[in-house]
N, C-alpha and C. Protein backbone atom coordinates (compact mmCIF):
# COMPACT_ATOMS: atom_id res chain seq x y z
N MET A 1 25.91 133.65 25.25
CA MET A 1 26.96 133.13 25.85
C MET A 1 28.05 132.44 24.34
N ARG A 2 29.22 133.05 24.60
CA ARG A 2 30.14 132.40 23.68
C ARG A 2 31.27 131.88 24.42
N LYS A 3 31.61 130.87 24.03
CA LYS A 3 33.17 130.16 24.46
C LYS A 3 33.95 130.01 23.22
N ARG A 4 35.30 130.43 22.80
CA ARG A 4 36.21 130.47 21.80
C ARG A 4 37.07 129.85 22.22
N THR A 5 37.40 128.69 21.04
CA THR A 5 38.61 127.85 21.43
C THR A 5 39.15 127.46 19.98
N GLY A 6 40.38 127.70 19.88
CA GLY A 6 40.90 126.98 18.68
C GLY A 6 40.08 127.11 17.29
N GLY A 7 39.64 128.45 17.22
CA GLY A 7 38.95 129.11 15.71
C GLY A 7 37.51 128.67 16.12
N LEU A 8 37.22 127.70 16.72
CA LEU A 8 35.76 127.62 17.03
C LEU A 8 34.89 128.31 18.09
N SER A 9 33.80 128.87 17.69
CA SER A 9 32.92 129.63 18.81
C SER A 9 31.76 128.93 18.99
N LEU A 10 31.19 128.78 20.45
CA LEU A 10 30.28 128.41 21.03
C LEU A 10 29.18 129.18 21.73
N LYS A 11 27.92 129.10 20.93
CA LYS A 11 26.87 130.05 21.51
C LYS A 11 26.00 128.85 22.06
N LEU A 12 25.29 129.65 23.05
CA LEU A 12 24.20 128.69 24.01
C LEU A 12 22.78 129.16 23.46
N GLY A 13 21.74 128.20 22.76
CA GLY A 13 20.57 128.99 22.44
C GLY A 13 19.86 129.15 23.69
N LYS A 14 18.74 129.62 23.59
CA LYS A 14 18.05 130.21 24.91
C LYS A 14 17.33 128.92 25.78
N GLY A 15 17.06 127.83 25.15
CA GLY A 15 16.40 127.03 25.60
C GLY A 15 17.62 126.00 26.30
N MET A 16 18.63 125.96 25.81
CA MET A 16 20.04 125.45 26.37
C MET A 16 20.53 126.04 27.61
N ARG A 17 20.17 127.41 27.60
CA ARG A 17 20.95 128.43 28.81
C ARG A 17 20.17 128.25 29.91
N HIS A 18 18.83 128.20 29.52
CA HIS A 18 17.70 128.05 30.85
C HIS A 18 17.94 126.90 31.38
N PHE A 19 17.88 125.70 30.60
CA PHE A 19 18.18 124.12 31.26
C PHE A 19 19.40 124.45 31.63
N ILE A 20 20.67 124.63 31.69
CA ILE A 20 21.56 124.69 32.48
C ILE A 20 21.76 125.51 33.61
N VAL A 21 20.90 126.65 33.68
CA VAL A 21 21.07 127.26 34.62
C VAL A 21 19.98 126.75 35.78
N ARG A 22 19.05 126.05 35.20
CA ARG A 22 17.81 125.53 35.81
C ARG A 22 18.18 124.52 36.86
N GLU A 23 18.76 123.69 36.07
CA GLU A 23 19.12 122.34 36.63
C GLU A 23 20.95 122.15 37.33
N GLY A 24 21.48 123.68 37.07
CA GLY A 24 22.88 123.34 37.50
C GLY A 24 22.94 124.03 38.72
N PHE A 25 22.11 124.50 39.77
CA PHE A 25 22.13 124.77 40.90
C PHE A 25 21.15 124.10 42.01
N ASP A 26 21.55 123.95 42.89
CA ASP A 26 21.31 123.24 44.08
C ASP A 26 20.97 124.22 45.30
N PRO A 27 20.20 124.39 46.09
CA PRO A 27 20.26 125.24 47.07
C PRO A 27 21.19 124.74 48.18
N VAL A 28 21.57 123.54 48.47
CA VAL A 28 22.20 123.00 49.43
C VAL A 28 23.64 122.99 48.90
N TYR A 29 24.04 122.56 47.61
CA TYR A 29 25.51 122.63 47.52
C TYR A 29 25.78 123.60 46.10
N GLY A 30 24.85 124.82 45.84
CA GLY A 30 25.18 125.89 45.14
C GLY A 30 25.44 125.57 43.78
N ALA A 31 26.56 126.02 43.01
CA ALA A 31 26.45 125.34 41.87
C ALA A 31 27.78 124.40 41.53
N ARG A 32 27.97 123.65 42.22
CA ARG A 32 28.89 122.44 42.11
C ARG A 32 28.33 121.47 41.14
N LEU A 33 26.97 121.71 40.86
CA LEU A 33 26.41 120.54 39.85
C LEU A 33 26.60 121.23 38.66
N LEU A 34 26.85 122.55 38.43
CA LEU A 34 26.85 123.51 37.18
C LEU A 34 28.02 122.66 36.61
N LYS A 35 29.12 122.72 36.76
CA LYS A 35 30.44 122.22 36.50
C LYS A 35 29.83 120.72 35.51
N ARG A 36 29.17 119.61 36.42
CA ARG A 36 28.97 118.34 35.97
C ARG A 36 27.95 118.47 34.80
N MET A 37 26.75 119.56 35.06
CA MET A 37 26.06 119.89 33.87
C MET A 37 26.53 120.08 32.57
N ILE A 38 27.45 121.11 32.77
CA ILE A 38 28.24 121.40 31.41
C ILE A 38 28.99 120.15 30.72
N GLN A 39 29.71 119.72 31.75
CA GLN A 39 30.51 118.41 31.10
C GLN A 39 29.19 117.64 30.35
N LYS A 40 28.35 116.98 30.90
CA LYS A 40 27.75 115.86 30.47
C LYS A 40 26.58 116.75 29.23
N TRP A 41 26.16 117.71 29.25
CA TRP A 41 25.24 117.86 28.17
C TRP A 41 25.93 119.10 27.12
N ILE A 42 27.15 119.81 27.18
CA ILE A 42 27.86 120.35 26.45
C ILE A 42 29.24 119.74 25.92
N GLN A 43 29.91 119.71 26.97
CA GLN A 43 31.55 119.41 26.42
C GLN A 43 31.53 117.83 25.76
N GLY A 44 30.69 116.98 26.35
CA GLY A 44 31.13 115.53 25.86
C GLY A 44 30.32 115.88 24.47
N PRO A 45 28.82 116.13 24.33
CA PRO A 45 28.50 116.12 23.10
C PRO A 45 28.91 116.84 22.03
N LEU A 46 29.43 118.05 22.51
CA LEU A 46 30.11 118.88 21.45
C LEU A 46 31.51 118.61 20.88
N GLY A 47 32.22 117.89 21.97
CA GLY A 47 33.16 117.21 21.53
C GLY A 47 33.26 115.80 20.25
N ARG A 48 32.02 115.00 20.32
CA ARG A 48 31.71 114.28 19.68
C ARG A 48 31.17 114.93 18.33
N TYR A 49 30.61 116.09 18.47
CA TYR A 49 29.83 116.81 17.18
C TYR A 49 31.07 117.01 16.21
N VAL A 50 32.06 117.91 17.13
CA VAL A 50 33.13 118.35 16.15
C VAL A 50 34.41 117.08 15.60
N LEU A 51 33.94 116.08 16.25
CA LEU A 51 34.83 115.11 15.66
C LEU A 51 34.02 114.50 14.45
N GLU A 52 32.89 114.14 14.73
CA GLU A 52 32.23 113.61 13.62
C GLU A 52 31.79 114.44 12.45
N ASN A 53 31.67 115.68 12.64
CA ASN A 53 31.55 116.82 11.63
C ASN A 53 32.87 117.70 11.10
N GLU A 54 34.05 117.61 11.77
CA GLU A 54 34.96 118.41 11.59
C GLU A 54 34.63 119.82 10.84
N PRO A 55 33.79 120.66 11.39
CA PRO A 55 33.86 122.04 11.10
C PRO A 55 34.78 123.07 11.07
N PRO A 56 34.89 123.62 10.11
CA PRO A 56 36.09 124.47 9.51
C PRO A 56 36.38 125.57 10.93
N GLY A 57 37.67 126.25 11.14
CA GLY A 57 38.14 126.86 11.84
C GLY A 57 37.55 128.08 11.85
N ASP A 58 37.05 129.23 12.99
CA ASP A 58 36.47 130.37 12.57
C ASP A 58 35.10 129.96 12.57
N THR A 59 34.36 128.64 12.99
CA THR A 59 33.18 128.49 12.71
C THR A 59 32.50 128.91 14.28
N VAL A 60 30.82 129.45 14.01
CA VAL A 60 30.17 129.77 15.35
C VAL A 60 29.10 128.39 15.25
N ILE A 61 29.55 127.75 16.39
CA ILE A 61 28.33 126.39 16.65
C ILE A 61 27.31 126.91 17.55
N THR A 62 26.10 126.64 17.37
CA THR A 62 25.13 126.89 18.65
C THR A 62 24.65 125.58 19.23
N ALA A 63 24.55 125.35 20.49
CA ALA A 63 23.96 124.25 21.27
C ALA A 63 22.41 124.65 21.48
N TYR A 64 21.65 123.84 21.37
CA TYR A 64 19.80 123.57 21.59
C TYR A 64 19.88 122.37 22.43
N PHE A 65 18.89 123.07 23.07
CA PHE A 65 18.50 121.91 24.19
C PHE A 65 17.06 121.56 23.64
N ASN A 66 16.38 120.09 23.41
CA ASN A 66 15.15 119.98 23.33
C ASN A 66 14.45 119.43 24.70
N PRO A 67 13.63 120.14 25.24
CA PRO A 67 13.28 119.67 26.51
C PRO A 67 12.21 118.05 26.34
N GLU A 68 11.79 118.24 25.34
CA GLU A 68 10.51 117.11 25.09
C GLU A 68 11.20 115.74 24.79
N ILE A 69 12.54 115.55 24.44
CA ILE A 69 13.06 114.62 24.39
C ILE A 69 14.39 114.60 25.37
N GLN A 70 15.09 115.48 26.02
CA GLN A 70 16.07 115.61 26.67
C GLN A 70 17.20 115.62 26.13
N THR A 71 17.29 116.19 25.04
CA THR A 71 18.71 116.10 24.45
C THR A 71 19.43 117.18 23.83
N VAL A 72 20.52 117.24 23.29
CA VAL A 72 21.16 118.48 22.94
C VAL A 72 21.42 118.27 21.24
N SER A 73 21.36 119.21 20.72
CA SER A 73 21.83 119.58 19.41
C SER A 73 22.93 120.54 18.95
N PHE A 74 23.40 120.50 17.99
CA PHE A 74 24.37 121.63 17.49
C PHE A 74 24.24 121.82 15.95
N GLN A 75 24.29 123.32 15.99
CA GLN A 75 24.15 123.35 14.54
C GLN A 75 25.28 124.58 14.11
N VAL A 76 26.00 124.23 12.96
CA VAL A 76 26.84 125.46 12.65
C VAL A 76 25.81 126.67 11.94
N ASP A 77 25.89 127.98 12.69
CA ASP A 77 25.20 128.97 12.51
C ASP A 77 26.04 129.83 11.46
N GLU A 78 27.39 129.84 11.32
CA GLU A 78 28.22 130.84 10.55
C GLU A 78 29.36 130.25 10.49
N ILE A 79 30.12 130.89 9.23
CA ILE A 79 31.43 130.55 9.35
C ILE A 79 32.29 131.93 8.55
N LYS A 80 32.88 132.21 10.06
CA LYS A 80 33.53 133.73 9.74
C LYS A 80 34.52 133.89 8.59
N ALA A 81 34.67 134.78 8.21
CA ALA A 81 35.36 135.26 6.72
C ALA A 81 36.92 135.52 7.73
N LYS A 82 37.73 134.80 7.29
CA LYS A 82 39.37 135.41 7.75
C LYS A 82 39.93 136.66 7.23
N SER A 83 40.25 137.55 8.06
CA SER A 83 40.63 138.84 7.90
C SER A 83 42.50 138.50 7.33
N VAL A 84 42.28 139.55 6.38
CA VAL A 84 44.04 139.53 5.74
C VAL A 84 44.83 140.62 6.70
């Protein structure tokens, strides 16, 4: 899964995808919880990561989830060359 904004692309690692899907659905409330999960586990931490690390434009960042310590981490996977 990729989201592209302002030259940055976001990919979700397999563990992150599974965590969001598993925890983001409730049989009673449906997928309402999904929005909160994305805000808490992806948007907020990703915003802090981008502000602290200032990755260049055209960068692919992957979000990883560590279930043992319940944390998310980000890694720059590639910097795409700009086409002329």
